[in-house]
Amino acid sequence: MSDVSDLFEARDGHVVIHVHVQPRAGRSAVVGRHGDALKVRVAAPPADGRANDAARTLLAETCGVAASAVALVSGAASRVKRFRVDGVEPTDVAVRLRRAIAAAGNPGPGPRR
């Protein structure tokens, strides 16, 4: 299994996940890595924060938490975002991210240098 420790930062009682969002996709899904970020595609357009909401919902499903436990921390108008996930253990997040990336079948490139 690949290392995913560069995709998130562990904090006291929560993690912050680095996410690269591609809006207006055919369907919403985790698709792999994009450098040091988790790459997700969402069907929603970027207008009115709908892509952010769709990414938040997808991350909640991926991490096994309620959508209310996930909050956008930065990058509201950018494809590169950071989401805070409350009430999770970093080891659990690592396992779930590995599974999601493996299920996507596209580990993507490693970290950018």
PDB file of N, CA and C in Angstrom:
ATOM      1  N   MET A   1       0.829  -1.183   0.000  1.00  0.00           N
ATOM      2  CA  MET A   1       0.000   0.000   0.000  1.00  0.00           C
ATOM      3  C   MET A   1       0.871   1.244   0.000  1.00  0.00           C
ATOM      4  N   SER A   2       0.387   2.259  -0.690  1.00  0.00           N
ATOM      5  CA  SER A   2       1.157   3.484  -0.815  1.00  0.00           C
ATOM      6  C   SER A   2       1.037   4.338   0.441  1.00  0.00           C
ATOM      7  N   ASP A   3       2.001   5.208   0.611  1.00  0.00           N
ATOM      8  CA  ASP A   3       2.003   6.115   1.742  1.00  0.00           C
ATOM      9  C   ASP A   3       1.087   7.295   1.425  1.00  0.00           C
ATOM     10  N   VAL A   4       0.246   7.654   2.346  1.00  0.00           N
ATOM     11  CA  VAL A   4      -0.671   8.775   2.154  1.00  0.00           C
ATOM     12  C   VAL A   4      -0.451   9.871   3.192  1.00  0.00           C
ATOM     13  N   SER A   5       0.613   9.765   3.967  1.00  0.00           N
ATOM     14  CA  SER A   5       0.832  10.707   5.062  1.00  0.00           C
ATOM     15  C   SER A   5       1.019  12.143   4.577  1.00  0.00           C
ATOM     16  N   ASP A   6       1.399  12.331   3.316  1.00  0.00           N
ATOM     17  CA  ASP A   6       1.565  13.687   2.791  1.00  0.00           C
ATOM     18  C   ASP A   6       0.246  14.302   2.328  1.00  0.00           C
ATOM     19  N   LEU A   7      -0.846  13.544   2.346  1.00  0.00           N
ATOM     20  CA  LEU A   7      -2.139  14.046   1.894  1.00  0.00           C
ATOM     21  C   LEU A   7      -2.915  14.758   2.998  1.00  0.00           C
ATOM     22  N   PHE A   8      -2.479  14.604   4.237  1.00  0.00           N
ATOM     23  CA  PHE A   8      -3.201  15.241   5.344  1.00  0.00           C
ATOM     24  C   PHE A   8      -2.251  15.588   6.471  1.00  0.00           C
ATOM     25  N   GLU A   9      -2.741  16.489   7.323  1.00  0.00           N
ATOM     26  CA  GLU A   9      -2.013  16.901   8.517  1.00  0.00           C
ATOM     27  C   GLU A   9      -2.843  16.493   9.728  1.00  0.00           C
ATOM     28  N   ALA A  10      -2.231  15.803  10.644  1.00  0.00           N
ATOM     29  CA  ALA A  10      -2.927  15.398  11.869  1.00  0.00           C
ATOM     30  C   ALA A  10      -2.833  16.518  12.892  1.00  0.00           C
ATOM     31  N   ARG A  11      -3.972  16.852  13.462  1.00  0.00           N
ATOM     32  CA  ARG A  11      -4.036  17.864  14.512  1.00  0.00           C
ATOM     33  C   ARG A  11      -4.697  17.240  15.732  1.00  0.00           C
ATOM     34  N   ASP A  12      -4.893  18.001  16.762  1.00  0.00           N
ATOM     35  CA  ASP A  12      -5.519  17.500  17.982  1.00  0.00           C
ATOM     36  C   ASP A  12      -7.019  17.314  17.757  1.00  0.00           C
ATOM     37  N   GLY A  13      -7.457  16.068  17.571  1.00  0.00           N
ATOM     38  CA  GLY A  13      -8.873  15.768  17.411  1.00  0.00           C
ATOM     39  C   GLY A  13      -9.424  15.887  16.008  1.00  0.00           C
ATOM     40  N   HIS A  14      -8.585  16.269  15.045  1.00  0.00           N
ATOM     41  CA  HIS A  14      -9.044  16.361  13.666  1.00  0.00           C
ATOM     42  C   HIS A  14      -7.865  16.231  12.700  1.00  0.00           C
ATOM     43  N   VAL A  15      -8.181  16.113  11.426  1.00  0.00           N
ATOM     44  CA  VAL A  15      -7.152  16.120  10.388  1.00  0.00           C
ATOM     45  C   VAL A  15      -7.541  17.160   9.346  1.00  0.00           C
ATOM     46  N   VAL A  16      -6.544  17.656   8.623  1.00  0.00           N
ATOM     47  CA  VAL A  16      -6.770  18.566   7.509  1.00  0.00           C
ATOM     48  C   VAL A  16      -6.273  17.851   6.261  1.00  0.00           C
ATOM     49  N   ILE A  17      -7.198  17.604   5.328  1.00  0.00           N
ATOM     50  CA  ILE A  17      -6.865  16.868   4.104  1.00  0.00           C
ATOM     51  C   ILE A  17      -6.676  17.849   2.960  1.00  0.00           C
ATOM     52  N   HIS A  18      -5.585  17.675   2.223  1.00  0.00           N
ATOM     53  CA  HIS A  18      -5.289  18.479   1.044  1.00  0.00           C
ATOM     54  C   HIS A  18      -6.010  17.826  -0.137  1.00  0.00           C
ATOM     55  N   VAL A  19      -6.804  18.599  -0.860  1.00  0.00           N
ATOM     56  CA  VAL A  19      -7.651  18.045  -1.914  1.00  0.00           C
ATOM     57  C   VAL A  19      -7.518  18.872  -3.188  1.00  0.00           C
ATOM     58  N   HIS A  20      -7.421  18.177  -4.319  1.00  0.00           N
ATOM     59  CA  HIS A  20      -7.470  18.809  -5.640  1.00  0.00           C
ATOM     60  C   HIS A  20      -8.814  18.426  -6.244  1.00  0.00           C
ATOM     61  N   VAL A  21      -9.672  19.417  -6.491  1.00  0.00           N
ATOM     62  CA  VAL A  21     -11.039  19.160  -6.948  1.00  0.00           C
ATOM     63  C   VAL A  21     -11.176  19.472  -8.431  1.00  0.00           C
ATOM     64  N   GLN A  22     -11.757  18.535  -9.159  1.00  0.00           N
ATOM     65  CA  GLN A  22     -12.086  18.746 -10.564  1.00  0.00           C
ATOM     66  C   GLN A  22     -13.614  18.787 -10.671  1.00  0.00           C
ATOM     67  N   PRO A  23     -14.183  19.986 -10.885  1.00  0.00           N
ATOM     68  CA  PRO A  23     -15.637  20.091 -10.974  1.00  0.00           C
ATOM     69  C   PRO A  23     -16.169  19.671 -12.346  1.00  0.00           C
ATOM     70  N   ARG A  24     -17.476  19.547 -12.445  1.00  0.00           N
ATOM     71  CA  ARG A  24     -18.186  19.209 -13.687  1.00  0.00           C
ATOM     72  C   ARG A  24     -17.750  17.875 -14.291  1.00  0.00           C
ATOM     73  N   ALA A  25     -17.475  16.917 -13.451  1.00  0.00           N
ATOM     74  CA  ALA A  25     -17.112  15.578 -13.923  1.00  0.00           C
ATOM     75  C   ALA A  25     -18.395  14.793 -14.179  1.00  0.00           C
ATOM     76  N   GLY A  26     -18.262  13.663 -14.828  1.00  0.00           N
ATOM     77  CA  GLY A  26     -19.427  12.822 -15.092  1.00  0.00           C
ATOM     78  C   GLY A  26     -20.055  12.283 -13.818  1.00  0.00           C
ATOM     79  N   ARG A  27     -19.216  12.018 -12.817  1.00  0.00           N
ATOM     80  CA  ARG A  27     -19.707  11.530 -11.531  1.00  0.00           C
ATOM     81  C   ARG A  27     -18.705  11.931 -10.456  1.00  0.00           C
ATOM     82  N   SER A  28     -19.162  11.909  -9.226  1.00  0.00           N
ATOM     83  CA  SER A  28     -18.289  12.271  -8.108  1.00  0.00           C
ATOM     84  C   SER A  28     -17.558  11.032  -7.618  1.00  0.00           C
ATOM     85  N   ALA A  29     -16.229  11.154  -7.469  1.00  0.00           N
ATOM     86  CA  ALA A  29     -15.423  10.015  -7.015  1.00  0.00           C
ATOM     87  C   ALA A  29     -14.020  10.464  -6.659  1.00  0.00           C
ATOM     88  N   VAL A  30     -13.392   9.687  -5.775  1.00  0.00           N
ATOM     89  CA  VAL A  30     -11.957   9.834  -5.522  1.00  0.00           C
ATOM     90  C   VAL A  30     -11.269   9.174  -6.708  1.00  0.00           C
ATOM     91  N   VAL A  31     -10.300   9.865  -7.313  1.00  0.00           N
ATOM     92  CA  VAL A  31      -9.647   9.304  -8.495  1.00  0.00           C
ATOM     93  C   VAL A  31      -8.162   9.037  -8.319  1.00  0.00           C
ATOM     94  N   GLY A  32      -7.591   9.417  -7.191  1.00  0.00           N
ATOM     95  CA  GLY A  32      -6.173   9.132  -6.958  1.00  0.00           C
ATOM     96  C   GLY A  32      -5.482  10.280  -6.258  1.00  0.00           C
ATOM     97  N   ARG A  33      -4.249  10.488  -6.672  1.00  0.00           N
ATOM     98  CA  ARG A  33      -3.418  11.544  -6.097  1.00  0.00           C
ATOM     99  C   ARG A  33      -3.159  12.602  -7.150  1.00  0.00           C
ATOM    100  N   HIS A  34      -2.885  13.801  -6.698  1.00  0.00           N
ATOM    101  CA  HIS A  34      -2.418  14.889  -7.559  1.00  0.00           C
ATOM    102  C   HIS A  34      -1.311  15.565  -6.771  1.00  0.00           C
ATOM    103  N   GLY A  35      -0.080  15.122  -6.987  1.00  0.00           N
ATOM    104  CA  GLY A  35       1.034  15.615  -6.179  1.00  0.00           C
ATOM    105  C   GLY A  35       0.839  15.223  -4.733  1.00  0.00           C
ATOM    106  N   ASP A  36       0.763  16.218  -3.852  1.00  0.00           N
ATOM    107  CA  ASP A  36       0.572  15.932  -2.423  1.00  0.00           C
ATOM    108  C   ASP A  36      -0.873  16.200  -1.990  1.00  0.00           C
ATOM    109  N   ALA A  37      -1.802  16.020  -2.929  1.00  0.00           N
ATOM    110  CA  ALA A  37      -3.222  16.206  -2.625  1.00  0.00           C
ATOM    111  C   ALA A  37      -4.023  14.997  -3.099  1.00  0.00           C
ATOM    112  N   LEU A  38      -5.144  14.772  -2.450  1.00  0.00           N
ATOM    113  CA  LEU A  38      -6.086  13.750  -2.877  1.00  0.00           C
ATOM    114  C   LEU A  38      -6.882  14.344  -4.032  1.00  0.00           C
ATOM    115  N   LYS A  39      -6.920  13.662  -5.167  1.00  0.00           N
ATOM    116  CA  LYS A  39      -7.659  14.180  -6.313  1.00  0.00           C
ATOM    117  C   LYS A  39      -9.064  13.596  -6.309  1.00  0.00           C
ATOM    118  N   VAL A  40     -10.046  14.491  -6.385  1.00  0.00           N
ATOM    119  CA  VAL A  40     -11.439  14.078  -6.460  1.00  0.00           C
ATOM    120  C   VAL A  40     -12.099  14.768  -7.644  1.00  0.00           C
ATOM    121  N   ARG A  41     -13.054  14.076  -8.221  1.00  0.00           N
ATOM    122  CA  ARG A  41     -13.894  14.661  -9.260  1.00  0.00           C
ATOM    123  C   ARG A  41     -15.293  14.772  -8.686  1.00  0.00           C
ATOM    124  N   VAL A  42     -15.936  15.891  -8.963  1.00  0.00           N
ATOM    125  CA  VAL A  42     -17.314  16.070  -8.520  1.00  0.00           C
ATOM    126  C   VAL A  42     -18.170  16.475  -9.710  1.00  0.00           C
ATOM    127  N   ALA A  43     -19.392  15.988  -9.738  1.00  0.00           N
ATOM    128  CA  ALA A  43     -20.293  16.273 -10.847  1.00  0.00           C
ATOM    129  C   ALA A  43     -20.793  17.715 -10.813  1.00  0.00           C
ATOM    130  N   ALA A  44     -20.796  18.324  -9.653  1.00  0.00           N
ATOM    131  CA  ALA A  44     -21.322  19.676  -9.493  1.00  0.00           C
ATOM    132  C   ALA A  44     -20.429  20.720 -10.162  1.00  0.00           C
ATOM    133  N   PRO A  45     -21.047  21.804 -10.654  1.00  0.00           N
ATOM    134  CA  PRO A  45     -20.255  22.916 -11.196  1.00  0.00           C
ATOM    135  C   PRO A  45     -19.684  23.753 -10.050  1.00  0.00           C
ATOM    136  N   PRO A  46     -18.684  24.579 -10.350  1.00  0.00           N
ATOM    137  CA  PRO A  46     -18.078  25.382  -9.283  1.00  0.00           C
ATOM    138  C   PRO A  46     -18.930  26.568  -8.832  1.00  0.00           C
ATOM    139  N   ALA A  47     -20.007  26.872  -9.531  1.00  0.00           N
ATOM    140  CA  ALA A  47     -20.835  28.030  -9.197  1.00  0.00           C
ATOM    141  C   ALA A  47     -21.527  27.872  -7.851  1.00  0.00           C
ATOM    142  N   ASP A  48     -21.615  28.984  -7.134  1.00  0.00           N
ATOM    143  CA  ASP A  48     -22.340  29.055  -5.861  1.00  0.00           C
ATOM    144  C   ASP A  48     -21.857  28.047  -4.816  1.00  0.00           C
ATOM    145  N   GLY A  49     -20.621  27.630  -4.883  1.00  0.00           N
ATOM    146  CA  GLY A  49     -20.061  26.715  -3.895  1.00  0.00           C
ATOM    147  C   GLY A  49     -20.554  25.285  -4.003  1.00  0.00           C
ATOM    148  N   ARG A  50     -21.227  24.954  -5.100  1.00  0.00           N
ATOM    149  CA  ARG A  50     -21.776  23.600  -5.221  1.00  0.00           C
ATOM    150  C   ARG A  50     -20.684  22.542  -5.333  1.00  0.00           C
ATOM    151  N   ALA A  51     -19.584  22.841  -6.021  1.00  0.00           N
ATOM    152  CA  ALA A  51     -18.482  21.876  -6.107  1.00  0.00           C
ATOM    153  C   ALA A  51     -17.847  21.678  -4.735  1.00  0.00           C
ATOM    154  N   ASN A  52     -17.736  22.739  -3.958  1.00  0.00           N
ATOM    155  CA  ASN A  52     -17.195  22.625  -2.597  1.00  0.00           C
ATOM    156  C   ASN A  52     -18.087  21.737  -1.737  1.00  0.00           C
ATOM    157  N   ASP A  53     -19.397  21.924  -1.851  1.00  0.00           N
ATOM    158  CA  ASP A  53     -20.330  21.098  -1.077  1.00  0.00           C
ATOM    159  C   ASP A  53     -20.249  19.636  -1.493  1.00  0.00           C
ATOM    160  N   ALA A  54     -20.126  19.399  -2.806  1.00  0.00           N
ATOM    161  CA  ALA A  54     -20.031  18.022  -3.302  1.00  0.00           C
ATOM    162  C   ALA A  54     -18.731  17.371  -2.839  1.00  0.00           C
ATOM    163  N   ALA A  55     -17.634  18.140  -2.848  1.00  0.00           N
ATOM    164  CA  ALA A  55     -16.354  17.605  -2.374  1.00  0.00           C
ATOM    165  C   ALA A  55     -16.435  17.308  -0.881  1.00  0.00           C
ATOM    166  N   ARG A  56     -17.077  18.168  -0.123  1.00  0.00           N
ATOM    167  CA  ARG A  56     -17.262  17.958   1.318  1.00  0.00           C
ATOM    168  C   ARG A  56     -18.042  16.677   1.584  1.00  0.00           C
ATOM    169  N   THR A  57     -19.109  16.457   0.841  1.00  0.00           N
ATOM    170  CA  THR A  57     -19.917  15.254   0.996  1.00  0.00           C
ATOM    171  C   THR A  57     -19.119  14.010   0.637  1.00  0.00           C
ATOM    172  N   LEU A  58     -18.350  14.075  -0.446  1.00  0.00           N
ATOM    173  CA  LEU A  58     -17.531  12.945  -0.875  1.00  0.00           C
ATOM    174  C   LEU A  58     -16.461  12.625   0.169  1.00  0.00           C
ATOM    175  N   LEU A  59     -15.826  13.642   0.723  1.00  0.00           N
ATOM    176  CA  LEU A  59     -14.821  13.405   1.766  1.00  0.00           C
ATOM    177  C   LEU A  59     -15.451  12.797   3.018  1.00  0.00           C
ATOM    178  N   ALA A  60     -16.631  13.241   3.365  1.00  0.00           N
ATOM    179  CA  ALA A  60     -17.319  12.677   4.527  1.00  0.00           C
ATOM    180  C   ALA A  60     -17.565  11.187   4.309  1.00  0.00           C
ATOM    181  N   GLU A  61     -18.047  10.821   3.128  1.00  0.00           N
ATOM    182  CA  GLU A  61     -18.277   9.404   2.814  1.00  0.00           C
ATOM    183  C   GLU A  61     -16.966   8.624   2.851  1.00  0.00           C
ATOM    184  N   THR A  62     -15.933   9.189   2.272  1.00  0.00           N
ATOM    185  CA  THR A  62     -14.633   8.528   2.215  1.00  0.00           C
ATOM    186  C   THR A  62     -14.058   8.307   3.610  1.00  0.00           C
ATOM    187  N   CYS A  63     -14.221   9.295   4.490  1.00  0.00           N
ATOM    188  CA  CYS A  63     -13.670   9.210   5.843  1.00  0.00           C
ATOM    189  C   CYS A  63     -14.612   8.531   6.837  1.00  0.00           C
ATOM    190  N   GLY A  64     -15.835   8.239   6.414  1.00  0.00           N
ATOM    191  CA  GLY A  64     -16.776   7.565   7.294  1.00  0.00           C
ATOM    192  C   GLY A  64     -17.325   8.432   8.399  1.00  0.00           C
ATOM    193  N   VAL A  65     -17.531   9.709   8.101  1.00  0.00           N
ATOM    194  CA  VAL A  65     -18.082  10.637   9.088  1.00  0.00           C
ATOM    195  C   VAL A  65     -19.298  11.344   8.495  1.00  0.00           C
ATOM    196  N   ALA A  66     -20.038  12.035   9.336  1.00  0.00           N
ATOM    197  CA  ALA A  66     -21.162  12.835   8.867  1.00  0.00           C
ATOM    198  C   ALA A  66     -20.638  14.052   8.108  1.00  0.00           C
ATOM    199  N   ALA A  67     -21.406  14.533   7.156  1.00  0.00           N
ATOM    200  CA  ALA A  67     -21.001  15.709   6.384  1.00  0.00           C
ATOM    201  C   ALA A  67     -20.768  16.915   7.288  1.00  0.00           C
ATOM    202  N   SER A  68     -21.474  16.976   8.401  1.00  0.00           N
ATOM    203  CA  SER A  68     -21.306  18.092   9.341  1.00  0.00           C
ATOM    204  C   SER A  68     -19.937  18.083  10.021  1.00  0.00           C
ATOM    205  N   ALA A  69     -19.212  16.969   9.951  1.00  0.00           N
ATOM    206  CA  ALA A  69     -17.876  16.870  10.557  1.00  0.00           C
ATOM    207  C   ALA A  69     -16.784  17.351   9.616  1.00  0.00           C
ATOM    208  N   VAL A  70     -17.166  17.730   8.382  1.00  0.00           N
ATOM    209  CA  VAL A  70     -16.189  18.167   7.383  1.00  0.00           C
ATOM    210  C   VAL A  70     -16.435  19.637   7.059  1.00  0.00           C
ATOM    211  N   ALA A  71     -15.373  20.434   7.096  1.00  0.00           N
ATOM    212  CA  ALA A  71     -15.492  21.863   6.816  1.00  0.00           C
ATOM    213  C   ALA A  71     -14.366  22.307   5.889  1.00  0.00           C
ATOM    214  N   LEU A  72     -14.692  23.183   4.965  1.00  0.00           N
ATOM    215  CA  LEU A  72     -13.692  23.766   4.071  1.00  0.00           C
ATOM    216  C   LEU A  72     -12.877  24.780   4.858  1.00  0.00           C
ATOM    217  N   VAL A  73     -11.561  24.596   4.869  1.00  0.00           N
ATOM    218  CA  VAL A  73     -10.670  25.481   5.619  1.00  0.00           C
ATOM    219  C   VAL A  73     -10.084  26.559   4.715  1.00  0.00           C
ATOM    220  N   SER A  74      -9.692  26.170   3.503  1.00  0.00           N
ATOM    221  CA  SER A  74      -9.131  27.145   2.568  1.00  0.00           C
ATOM    222  C   SER A  74      -9.328  26.665   1.141  1.00  0.00           C
ATOM    223  N   GLY A  75      -9.290  27.628   0.209  1.00  0.00           N
ATOM    224  CA  GLY A  75      -9.377  27.305  -1.203  1.00  0.00           C
ATOM    225  C   GLY A  75     -10.776  27.335  -1.774  1.00  0.00           C
ATOM    226  N   ALA A  76     -11.673  28.129  -1.208  1.00  0.00           N
ATOM    227  CA  ALA A  76     -13.068  28.158  -1.660  1.00  0.00           C
ATOM    228  C   ALA A  76     -13.197  28.431  -3.158  1.00  0.00           C
ATOM    229  N   ALA A  77     -12.328  29.256  -3.715  1.00  0.00           N
ATOM    230  CA  ALA A  77     -12.419  29.613  -5.130  1.00  0.00           C
ATOM    231  C   ALA A  77     -11.311  28.967  -5.963  1.00  0.00           C
ATOM    232  N   SER A  78     -10.639  27.997  -5.399  1.00  0.00           N
ATOM    233  CA  SER A  78      -9.515  27.340  -6.064  1.00  0.00           C
ATOM    234  C   SER A  78      -9.785  25.845  -6.216  1.00  0.00           C
ATOM    235  N   ARG A  79      -9.078  25.218  -7.132  1.00  0.00           N
ATOM    236  CA  ARG A  79      -9.175  23.759  -7.232  1.00  0.00           C
ATOM    237  C   ARG A  79      -8.428  23.083  -6.090  1.00  0.00           C
ATOM    238  N   VAL A  80      -7.439  23.761  -5.549  1.00  0.00           N
ATOM    239  CA  VAL A  80      -6.648  23.227  -4.438  1.00  0.00           C
ATOM    240  C   VAL A  80      -7.288  23.699  -3.145  1.00  0.00           C
ATOM    241  N   LYS A  81      -7.728  22.744  -2.339  1.00  0.00           N
ATOM    242  CA  LYS A  81      -8.484  23.055  -1.137  1.00  0.00           C
ATOM    243  C   LYS A  81      -7.938  22.290   0.059  1.00  0.00           C
ATOM    244  N   ARG A  82      -8.339  22.731   1.233  1.00  0.00           N
ATOM    245  CA  ARG A  82      -8.038  22.016   2.467  1.00  0.00           C
ATOM    246  C   ARG A  82      -9.335  21.868   3.232  1.00  0.00           C
ATOM    247  N   PHE A  83      -9.628  20.640   3.619  1.00  0.00           N
ATOM    248  CA  PHE A  83     -10.834  20.337   4.384  1.00  0.00           C
ATOM    249  C   PHE A  83     -10.445  19.802   5.753  1.00  0.00           C
ATOM    250  N   ARG A  84     -11.112  20.310   6.771  1.00  0.00           N
ATOM    251  CA  ARG A  84     -10.924  19.826   8.141  1.00  0.00           C
ATOM    252  C   ARG A  84     -11.959  18.740   8.406  1.00  0.00           C
ATOM    253  N   VAL A  85     -11.490  17.615   8.952  1.00  0.00           N
ATOM    254  CA  VAL A  85     -12.387  16.515   9.299  1.00  0.00           C
ATOM    255  C   VAL A  85     -12.258  16.297  10.802  1.00  0.00           C
ATOM    256  N   ASP A  86     -13.355  16.515  11.514  1.00  0.00           N
ATOM    257  CA  ASP A  86     -13.368  16.390  12.970  1.00  0.00           C
ATOM    258  C   ASP A  86     -13.726  14.976  13.406  1.00  0.00           C
ATOM    259  N   GLY A  87     -13.211  14.600  14.570  1.00  0.00           N
ATOM    260  CA  GLY A  87     -13.605  13.351  15.206  1.00  0.00           C
ATOM    261  C   GLY A  87     -13.059  12.101  14.556  1.00  0.00           C
ATOM    262  N   VAL A  88     -11.903  12.196  13.919  1.00  0.00           N
ATOM    263  CA  VAL A  88     -11.290  11.022  13.286  1.00  0.00           C
ATOM    264  C   VAL A  88      -9.859  10.848  13.777  1.00  0.00           C
ATOM    265  N   GLU A  89      -9.422   9.621  13.746  1.00  0.00           N
ATOM    266  CA  GLU A  89      -8.035   9.310  14.092  1.00  0.00           C
ATOM    267  C   GLU A  89      -7.205   9.332  12.808  1.00  0.00           C
ATOM    268  N   PRO A  90      -6.007   9.876  12.867  1.00  0.00           N
ATOM    269  CA  PRO A  90      -5.162   9.918  11.673  1.00  0.00           C
ATOM    270  C   PRO A  90      -4.917   8.542  11.047  1.00  0.00           C
ATOM    271  N   THR A  91      -4.782   7.512  11.887  1.00  0.00           N
ATOM    272  CA  THR A  91      -4.557   6.173  11.329  1.00  0.00           C
ATOM    273  C   THR A  91      -5.771   5.687  10.553  1.00  0.00           C
ATOM    274  N   ASP A  92      -6.970   6.010  11.042  1.00  0.00           N
ATOM    275  CA  ASP A  92      -8.195   5.634  10.323  1.00  0.00           C
ATOM    276  C   ASP A  92      -8.298   6.368   8.993  1.00  0.00           C
ATOM    277  N   VAL A  93      -7.962   7.653   8.996  1.00  0.00           N
ATOM    278  CA  VAL A  93      -7.997   8.438   7.761  1.00  0.00           C
ATOM    279  C   VAL A  93      -7.004   7.860   6.757  1.00  0.00           C
ATOM    280  N   ALA A  94      -5.813   7.514   7.213  1.00  0.00           N
ATOM    281  CA  ALA A  94      -4.807   6.941   6.312  1.00  0.00           C
ATOM    282  C   ALA A  94      -5.314   5.659   5.662  1.00  0.00           C
ATOM    283  N   VAL A  95      -5.927   4.795   6.450  1.00  0.00           N
ATOM    284  CA  VAL A  95      -6.461   3.537   5.914  1.00  0.00           C
ATOM    285  C   VAL A  95      -7.546   3.814   4.887  1.00  0.00           C
ATOM    286  N   ARG A  96      -8.458   4.719   5.207  1.00  0.00           N
ATOM    287  CA  ARG A  96      -9.567   5.023   4.296  1.00  0.00           C
ATOM    288  C   ARG A  96      -9.083   5.688   3.017  1.00  0.00           C
ATOM    289  N   LEU A  97      -8.084   6.565   3.110  1.00  0.00           N
ATOM    290  CA  LEU A  97      -7.549   7.197   1.905  1.00  0.00           C
ATOM    291  C   LEU A  97      -6.827   6.175   1.021  1.00  0.00           C
ATOM    292  N   ARG A  98      -6.065   5.288   1.646  1.00  0.00           N
ATOM    293  CA  ARG A  98      -5.402   4.225   0.869  1.00  0.00           C
ATOM    294  C   ARG A  98      -6.429   3.386   0.114  1.00  0.00           C
ATOM    295  N   ARG A  99      -7.502   2.995   0.805  1.00  0.00           N
ATOM    296  CA  ARG A  99      -8.555   2.188   0.171  1.00  0.00           C
ATOM    297  C   ARG A  99      -9.202   2.929  -0.989  1.00  0.00           C
ATOM    298  N   ALA A 100      -9.504   4.202  -0.785  1.00  0.00           N
ATOM    299  CA  ALA A 100     -10.163   4.994  -1.828  1.00  0.00           C
ATOM    300  C   ALA A 100      -9.272   5.138  -3.052  1.00  0.00           C
ATOM    301  N   ILE A 101      -7.980   5.371  -2.827  1.00  0.00           N
ATOM    302  CA  ILE A 101      -7.043   5.513  -3.939  1.00  0.00           C
ATOM    303  C   ILE A 101      -6.874   4.178  -4.654  1.00  0.00           C
ATOM    304  N   ALA A 102      -6.770   3.100  -3.893  1.00  0.00           N
ATOM    305  CA  ALA A 102      -6.640   1.774  -4.497  1.00  0.00           C
ATOM    306  C   ALA A 102      -7.883   1.412  -5.299  1.00  0.00           C
ATOM    307  N   ALA A 103      -9.058   1.737  -4.779  1.00  0.00           N
ATOM    308  CA  ALA A 103     -10.305   1.448  -5.488  1.00  0.00           C
ATOM    309  C   ALA A 103     -10.414   2.259  -6.769  1.00  0.00           C
ATOM    310  N   ALA A 104      -9.817   3.432  -6.774  1.00  0.00           N
ATOM    311  CA  ALA A 104      -9.838   4.273  -7.972  1.00  0.00           C
ATOM    312  C   ALA A 104      -8.947   3.691  -9.058  1.00  0.00           C
ATOM    313  N   GLY A 105      -7.960   2.883  -8.637  1.00  0.00           N
ATOM    314  CA  GLY A 105      -7.065   2.261  -9.607  1.00  0.00           C
ATOM    315  C   GLY A 105      -6.096   3.220 -10.248  1.00  0.00           C
ATOM    316  N   ASN A 106      -5.946   4.406  -9.667  1.00  0.00           N
ATOM    317  CA  ASN A 106      -5.060   5.416 -10.240  1.00  0.00           C
ATOM    318  C   ASN A 106      -4.292   6.097  -9.124  1.00  0.00           C
ATOM    319  N   PRO A 107      -3.169   5.542  -8.707  1.00  0.00           N
ATOM    320  CA  PRO A 107      -2.421   6.153  -7.621  1.00  0.00           C
ATOM    321  C   PRO A 107      -1.849   7.525  -7.986  1.00  0.00           C
ATOM    322  N   GLY A 108      -1.764   7.832  -9.284  1.00  0.00           N
ATOM    323  CA  GLY A 108      -1.263   9.138  -9.717  1.00  0.00           C
ATOM    324  C   GLY A 108       0.212   9.286  -9.441  1.00  0.00           C
ATOM    325  N   PRO A 109       0.738  10.447  -9.781  1.00  0.00           N
ATOM    326  CA  PRO A 109       2.161  10.688  -9.560  1.00  0.00           C
ATOM    327  C   PRO A 109       2.460  10.856  -8.079  1.00  0.00           C
ATOM    328  N   GLY A 110       3.678  10.628  -7.738  1.00  0.00           N
ATOM    329  CA  GLY A 110       4.103  10.822  -6.350  1.00  0.00           C
ATOM    330  C   GLY A 110       4.194  12.286  -6.027  1.00  0.00           C
ATOM    331  N   PRO A 111       4.731  12.603  -4.884  1.00  0.00           N
ATOM    332  CA  PRO A 111       4.841  13.997  -4.476  1.00  0.00           C
ATOM    333  C   PRO A 111       5.670  14.812  -5.457  1.00  0.00           C
ATOM    334  N   ARG A 112       5.250  16.056  -5.659  1.00  0.00           N
ATOM    335  CA  ARG A 112       6.016  16.968  -6.527  1.00  0.00           C
ATOM    336  C   ARG A 112       7.274  17.410  -5.808  1.00  0.00           C
ATOM    337  N   ARG A 113       8.280  17.629  -6.545  1.00  0.00           N
ATOM    338  CA  ARG A 113       9.542  18.093  -5.963  1.00  0.00           C
ATOM    339  C   ARG A 113       9.816  19.514  -6.378  1.00  0.00           C
TER     340      ARG A 113
END
